[in-house]
Amino acid sequence: MSSKKVLLIVDDTPNVGRAMARMLNRHFDELHLLTCAAEAAALLGQEPVTHVICDQCLGEGDPPGTDLVPRWRREHPSIERAVILTGLDPTTLLAGPGIDAIVSKLAGSEELVRILKGS
């Protein structure tokens, strides 16, 4: 297995996604920023992704991140770590199988890097 670290950020608010990308870019070999579940599913089918950050609420018509991420982890074994990002109180959401953490959108890059690295 390659040691290349590939981060996928899925957030329907482009400014939030870009801010995450700027904070985390130096920690990954490659980074993809997408705005909906369909785009993410297409990318996951084409390229091995090792880390995922997914917004809980991707907008009208998309399932919540807490439904998407476990499915993606089952279907794509290259995903090592996955985080749900939320603007809500993270303690109101259940981190089921396949979700390593649920984090507030206000979290700093140090916290996200720590979770994504599994330390």
C-alpha atoms as a PDB file:
ATOM      1  CA  MET A   1       0.000   0.000   0.000  1.00  0.00           C
ATOM      2  CA  SER A   2       1.251   3.464  -0.875  1.00  0.00           C
ATOM      3  CA  SER A   3       2.322   5.843   1.867  1.00  0.00           C
ATOM      4  CA  LYS A   4       0.775   8.744  -0.063  1.00  0.00           C
ATOM      5  CA  LYS A   5      -1.701  10.606   2.172  1.00  0.00           C
ATOM      6  CA  VAL A   6      -4.754  11.900   0.295  1.00  0.00           C
ATOM      7  CA  LEU A   7      -7.344  14.074   2.049  1.00  0.00           C
ATOM      8  CA  LEU A   8     -10.893  14.515   0.780  1.00  0.00           C
ATOM      9  CA  ILE A   9     -12.842  17.455   2.213  1.00  0.00           C
ATOM     10  CA  VAL A  10     -16.569  17.487   1.453  1.00  0.00           C
ATOM     11  CA  ASP A  11     -18.405  20.676   2.444  1.00  0.00           C
ATOM     12  CA  ASP A  12     -21.249  22.420   0.645  1.00  0.00           C
ATOM     13  CA  THR A  13     -19.959  25.828   1.749  1.00  0.00           C
ATOM     14  CA  PRO A  14     -16.941  26.540  -0.487  1.00  0.00           C
ATOM     15  CA  ASN A  15     -15.409  29.091   1.914  1.00  0.00           C
ATOM     16  CA  VAL A  16     -15.423  26.575   4.774  1.00  0.00           C
ATOM     17  CA  GLY A  17     -13.873  23.907   2.579  1.00  0.00           C
ATOM     18  CA  ARG A  18     -11.165  26.270   1.352  1.00  0.00           C
ATOM     19  CA  ALA A  19     -10.353  27.310   4.931  1.00  0.00           C
ATOM     20  CA  MET A  20      -9.996  23.632   5.926  1.00  0.00           C
ATOM     21  CA  ALA A  21      -7.820  22.998   2.888  1.00  0.00           C
ATOM     22  CA  ARG A  22      -5.521  25.909   3.781  1.00  0.00           C
ATOM     23  CA  MET A  23      -5.221  24.678   7.378  1.00  0.00           C
ATOM     24  CA  LEU A  24      -4.463  21.071   6.464  1.00  0.00           C
ATOM     25  CA  ASN A  25      -2.764  21.181   3.064  1.00  0.00           C
ATOM     26  CA  ARG A  26       0.793  20.835   4.371  1.00  0.00           C
ATOM     27  CA  HIS A  27      -0.079  17.601   6.202  1.00  0.00           C
ATOM     28  CA  PHE A  28      -1.132  15.702   3.058  1.00  0.00           C
ATOM     29  CA  ASP A  29       0.429  14.779  -0.271  1.00  0.00           C
ATOM     30  CA  GLU A  30      -2.776  15.510  -2.144  1.00  0.00           C
ATOM     31  CA  LEU A  31      -6.024  17.235  -1.264  1.00  0.00           C
ATOM     32  CA  HIS A  32      -9.455  17.244  -2.932  1.00  0.00           C
ATOM     33  CA  LEU A  33     -12.173  19.738  -2.052  1.00  0.00           C
ATOM     34  CA  LEU A  34     -15.705  18.829  -3.158  1.00  0.00           C
ATOM     35  CA  THR A  35     -19.142  20.233  -2.388  1.00  0.00           C
ATOM     36  CA  CYS A  36     -21.570  17.291  -2.547  1.00  0.00           C
ATOM     37  CA  ALA A  37     -21.927  13.577  -1.869  1.00  0.00           C
ATOM     38  CA  ALA A  38     -22.201  12.641  -5.564  1.00  0.00           C
ATOM     39  CA  GLU A  39     -18.872  14.323  -6.402  1.00  0.00           C
ATOM     40  CA  ALA A  40     -17.233  12.619  -3.416  1.00  0.00           C
ATOM     41  CA  ALA A  41     -18.589   9.190  -4.353  1.00  0.00           C
ATOM     42  CA  ALA A  42     -17.311   9.631  -7.923  1.00  0.00           C
ATOM     43  CA  LEU A  43     -13.828  10.600  -6.711  1.00  0.00           C
ATOM     44  CA  LEU A  44     -13.718   7.729  -4.213  1.00  0.00           C
ATOM     45  CA  GLY A  45     -14.501   5.339  -7.053  1.00  0.00           C
ATOM     46  CA  GLN A  46     -11.543   6.635  -9.069  1.00  0.00           C
ATOM     47  CA  GLU A  47      -8.776   7.342  -6.593  1.00  0.00           C
ATOM     48  CA  PRO A  48      -7.629   5.902  -3.264  1.00  0.00           C
ATOM     49  CA  VAL A  49      -8.301   8.442  -0.522  1.00  0.00           C
ATOM     50  CA  THR A  50      -6.744   7.914   2.894  1.00  0.00           C
ATOM     51  CA  HIS A  51      -8.503  10.585   4.966  1.00  0.00           C
ATOM     52  CA  VAL A  52     -11.962  12.174   4.822  1.00  0.00           C
ATOM     53  CA  ILE A  53     -13.484  15.248   6.423  1.00  0.00           C
ATOM     54  CA  CYS A  54     -17.193  15.473   5.658  1.00  0.00           C
ATOM     55  CA  ASP A  55     -19.671  18.152   6.669  1.00  0.00           C
ATOM     56  CA  GLN A  56     -22.649  16.731   8.547  1.00  0.00           C
ATOM     57  CA  CYS A  57     -25.143  18.872   6.595  1.00  0.00           C
ATOM     58  CA  LEU A  58     -24.276  18.920   2.889  1.00  0.00           C
ATOM     59  CA  GLY A  59     -27.485  20.589   1.853  1.00  0.00           C
ATOM     60  CA  GLU A  60     -30.850  19.697   0.389  1.00  0.00           C
ATOM     61  CA  GLY A  61     -30.964  16.256  -1.164  1.00  0.00           C
ATOM     62  CA  ASP A  62     -27.722  14.875   0.287  1.00  0.00           C
ATOM     63  CA  PRO A  63     -27.717  12.421   3.211  1.00  0.00           C
ATOM     64  CA  PRO A  64     -26.026  13.551   6.433  1.00  0.00           C
ATOM     65  CA  GLY A  65     -22.320  12.945   6.832  1.00  0.00           C
ATOM     66  CA  THR A  66     -23.023  10.434   9.605  1.00  0.00           C
ATOM     67  CA  ASP A  67     -24.758   8.268   6.956  1.00  0.00           C
ATOM     68  CA  LEU A  68     -22.259   8.873   4.144  1.00  0.00           C
ATOM     69  CA  VAL A  69     -18.954   8.324   5.917  1.00  0.00           C
ATOM     70  CA  PRO A  70     -19.648   4.802   7.270  1.00  0.00           C
ATOM     71  CA  ARG A  71     -20.766   3.711   3.784  1.00  0.00           C
ATOM     72  CA  TRP A  72     -17.666   5.227   2.180  1.00  0.00           C
ATOM     73  CA  ARG A  73     -15.434   3.470   4.725  1.00  0.00           C
ATOM     74  CA  ARG A  74     -17.082   0.107   3.984  1.00  0.00           C
ATOM     75  CA  GLU A  75     -16.806   0.583   0.220  1.00  0.00           C
ATOM     76  CA  HIS A  76     -13.295   2.094   0.139  1.00  0.00           C
ATOM     77  CA  PRO A  77     -10.808   0.348   2.451  1.00  0.00           C
ATOM     78  CA  SER A  78      -8.107   2.887   1.586  1.00  0.00           C
ATOM     79  CA  ILE A  79      -9.815   5.346   3.999  1.00  0.00           C
ATOM     80  CA  GLU A  80      -7.791   5.199   7.199  1.00  0.00           C
ATOM     81  CA  ARG A  81      -9.451   8.010   9.166  1.00  0.00           C
ATOM     82  CA  ALA A  82     -12.734   9.909   8.794  1.00  0.00           C
ATOM     83  CA  VAL A  83     -14.084  12.963  10.589  1.00  0.00           C
ATOM     84  CA  ILE A  84     -17.512  14.570  10.552  1.00  0.00           C
ATOM     85  CA  LEU A  85     -17.454  18.352  10.706  1.00  0.00           C
ATOM     86  CA  THR A  86     -20.481  20.141  12.110  1.00  0.00           C
ATOM     87  CA  GLY A  87     -21.710  23.631  12.837  1.00  0.00           C
ATOM     88  CA  LEU A  88     -23.965  22.112  15.504  1.00  0.00           C
ATOM     89  CA  ASP A  89     -22.983  20.918  18.951  1.00  0.00           C
ATOM     90  CA  PRO A  90     -20.852  17.821  18.177  1.00  0.00           C
ATOM     91  CA  THR A  91     -22.172  16.049  21.285  1.00  0.00           C
ATOM     92  CA  THR A  92     -25.656  15.901  19.715  1.00  0.00           C
ATOM     93  CA  LEU A  93     -24.439  13.547  16.964  1.00  0.00           C
ATOM     94  CA  LEU A  94     -23.579   9.867  17.285  1.00  0.00           C
ATOM     95  CA  ALA A  95     -20.194   8.750  15.940  1.00  0.00           C
ATOM     96  CA  GLY A  96     -21.142   5.331  14.618  1.00  0.00           C
ATOM     97  CA  PRO A  97     -18.869   2.724  13.039  1.00  0.00           C
ATOM     98  CA  GLY A  98     -16.479   4.215  10.501  1.00  0.00           C
ATOM     99  CA  ILE A  99     -16.477   7.676  12.074  1.00  0.00           C
ATOM    100  CA  ASP A 100     -13.350   8.460  14.063  1.00  0.00           C
ATOM    101  CA  ALA A 101     -14.593  11.773  15.454  1.00  0.00           C
ATOM    102  CA  ILE A 102     -17.275  14.432  15.196  1.00  0.00           C
ATOM    103  CA  VAL A 103     -15.746  17.877  15.446  1.00  0.00           C
ATOM    104  CA  SER A 104     -17.033  21.442  15.556  1.00  0.00           C
ATOM    105  CA  LYS A 105     -16.328  23.613  12.525  1.00  0.00           C
ATOM    106  CA  LEU A 106     -14.599  25.910  15.006  1.00  0.00           C
ATOM    107  CA  ALA A 107     -11.931  23.291  15.765  1.00  0.00           C
ATOM    108  CA  GLY A 108      -8.363  24.309  15.123  1.00  0.00           C
ATOM    109  CA  SER A 109      -6.004  22.635  12.695  1.00  0.00           C
ATOM    110  CA  GLU A 110      -4.020  21.033  15.543  1.00  0.00           C
ATOM    111  CA  GLU A 111      -7.084  19.146  16.761  1.00  0.00           C
ATOM    112  CA  LEU A 112      -7.996  17.993  13.248  1.00  0.00           C
ATOM    113  CA  VAL A 113      -4.458  16.868  12.477  1.00  0.00           C
ATOM    114  CA  ARG A 114      -4.300  14.950  15.770  1.00  0.00           C
ATOM    115  CA  ILE A 115      -7.566  13.142  14.992  1.00  0.00           C
ATOM    116  CA  LEU A 116      -6.642  12.444  11.368  1.00  0.00           C
ATOM    117  CA  LYS A 117      -3.283  11.014  12.412  1.00  0.00           C
ATOM    118  CA  GLY A 118      -4.976   8.870  15.040  1.00  0.00           C
ATOM    119  CA  SER A 119      -2.988  10.194  17.966  1.00  0.00           C
END
